[in-house]
Protein backbone atom coordinates (compact mmCIF):
# COMPACT_ATOMS: atom_id res chain seq x y z
CA UNK A 1 91.97 -51.04 -35.30
CA UNK A 2 92.73 -47.40 -36.07
CA UNK A 3 91.64 -44.69 -33.67
CA UNK A 4 88.98 -42.34 -35.02
CA UNK A 5 90.06 -38.98 -36.31
CA UNK A 6 89.60 -36.24 -33.77
CA UNK A 7 88.72 -32.70 -34.84
CA UNK A 8 88.58 -29.88 -32.31
CA UNK A 9 85.68 -27.50 -32.88
CA UNK A 10 85.23 -24.04 -31.41
CA UNK A 11 81.56 -23.25 -31.93
CA UNK A 12 80.41 -19.66 -31.48
CA UNK A 13 76.73 -19.56 -30.58
CA UNK A 14 74.17 -16.79 -30.76
CA UNK A 15 72.70 -15.92 -27.37
CA UNK A 16 75.20 -17.99 -25.38
CA UNK A 17 75.93 -16.07 -22.20
CA UNK A 18 78.70 -18.09 -20.61
CA UNK A 19 81.30 -15.31 -20.54
CA UNK A 20 82.95 -16.37 -23.82
CA UNK A 21 80.15 -16.96 -26.34
CA UNK A 22 81.62 -20.26 -27.53
CA UNK A 23 81.97 -23.92 -26.64
CA UNK A 24 84.82 -26.30 -27.46
CA UNK A 25 84.10 -29.85 -28.62
CA UNK A 26 86.24 -32.74 -29.84
CA UNK A 27 84.25 -34.67 -32.44
CA UNK A 28 85.21 -37.77 -34.39
CA UNK A 29 84.79 -36.32 -37.89
CA UNK A 30 83.99 -33.26 -39.97
CA UNK A 31 80.26 -33.98 -40.38
CA UNK A 32 79.22 -31.00 -38.26
CA UNK A 33 81.27 -28.65 -40.45
CA UNK A 34 79.83 -30.17 -43.65
CA UNK A 35 76.29 -29.89 -42.31
CA UNK A 36 76.86 -26.29 -41.24
CA UNK A 37 78.21 -25.36 -44.70
CA UNK A 38 75.14 -26.96 -46.31
CA UNK A 39 72.96 -25.00 -43.93
CA UNK A 40 74.68 -21.75 -44.93
CA UNK A 41 74.54 -22.51 -48.68
CA UNK A 42 71.17 -24.18 -49.03
CA UNK A 43 69.33 -23.65 -45.77
CA UNK A 44 69.27 -27.43 -45.19
CA UNK A 45 69.08 -28.40 -41.52
CA UNK A 46 70.63 -31.64 -40.43
CA UNK A 47 68.81 -33.79 -37.92
CA UNK A 48 71.54 -35.97 -36.52
CA UNK A 49 73.80 -36.40 -33.58
CA UNK A 50 77.55 -35.98 -33.76
CA UNK A 51 79.88 -38.45 -32.04
CA UNK A 52 82.03 -36.92 -29.27
CA UNK A 53 85.57 -38.24 -28.82
CA UNK A 54 86.45 -39.79 -25.48
CA UNK A 55 89.64 -38.63 -23.79
CA UNK A 56 92.43 -41.20 -24.31
CA UNK A 57 92.18 -42.50 -20.73
CA UNK A 58 88.43 -43.17 -20.94
CA UNK A 59 87.15 -46.44 -22.37
CA UNK A 60 83.62 -47.25 -23.39
CA UNK A 61 81.04 -45.89 -25.73
CA UNK A 62 81.52 -42.18 -26.53
CA UNK A 63 78.78 -39.66 -26.03
CA UNK A 64 76.82 -37.68 -28.60
CA UNK A 65 76.37 -33.98 -29.22
CA UNK A 66 73.37 -32.26 -30.83
CA UNK A 67 73.00 -28.62 -31.80
CA UNK A 68 70.54 -26.42 -33.66
CA UNK A 69 72.47 -25.23 -36.73
CA UNK A 70 70.58 -21.93 -36.83
CA UNK A 71 72.04 -21.05 -33.38
CA UNK A 72 75.62 -21.21 -34.69
CA UNK A 73 77.26 -17.87 -35.48
CA UNK A 74 80.63 -19.35 -36.59
CA UNK A 75 82.75 -22.49 -36.41
CA UNK A 76 86.52 -22.80 -36.18
CA UNK A 77 88.24 -26.19 -36.45
CA UNK A 78 91.66 -27.39 -35.42
CA UNK A 79 93.11 -30.68 -36.60
CA UNK A 80 95.36 -32.50 -34.11
CA UNK A 81 99.08 -32.49 -34.83
CA UNK A 82 100.51 -35.96 -35.43
């Protein structure tokens, strides 16, 4: 079985006062980016959870991540180097 693709997201949020203004997430696919682009183009809001990748040493069911797309100021993605 192939391991899921891991995409590193840096998500800049409006009104996030944690000293940096962004959060870093490792998600299994590019669905969040696609949903955010649809939100920007068409104003469509997605109502779904995004699968978080487990660190390689952790086994078991991965967690989920949910976010309000209108709270996002910007997204940057980094693909892992093979």
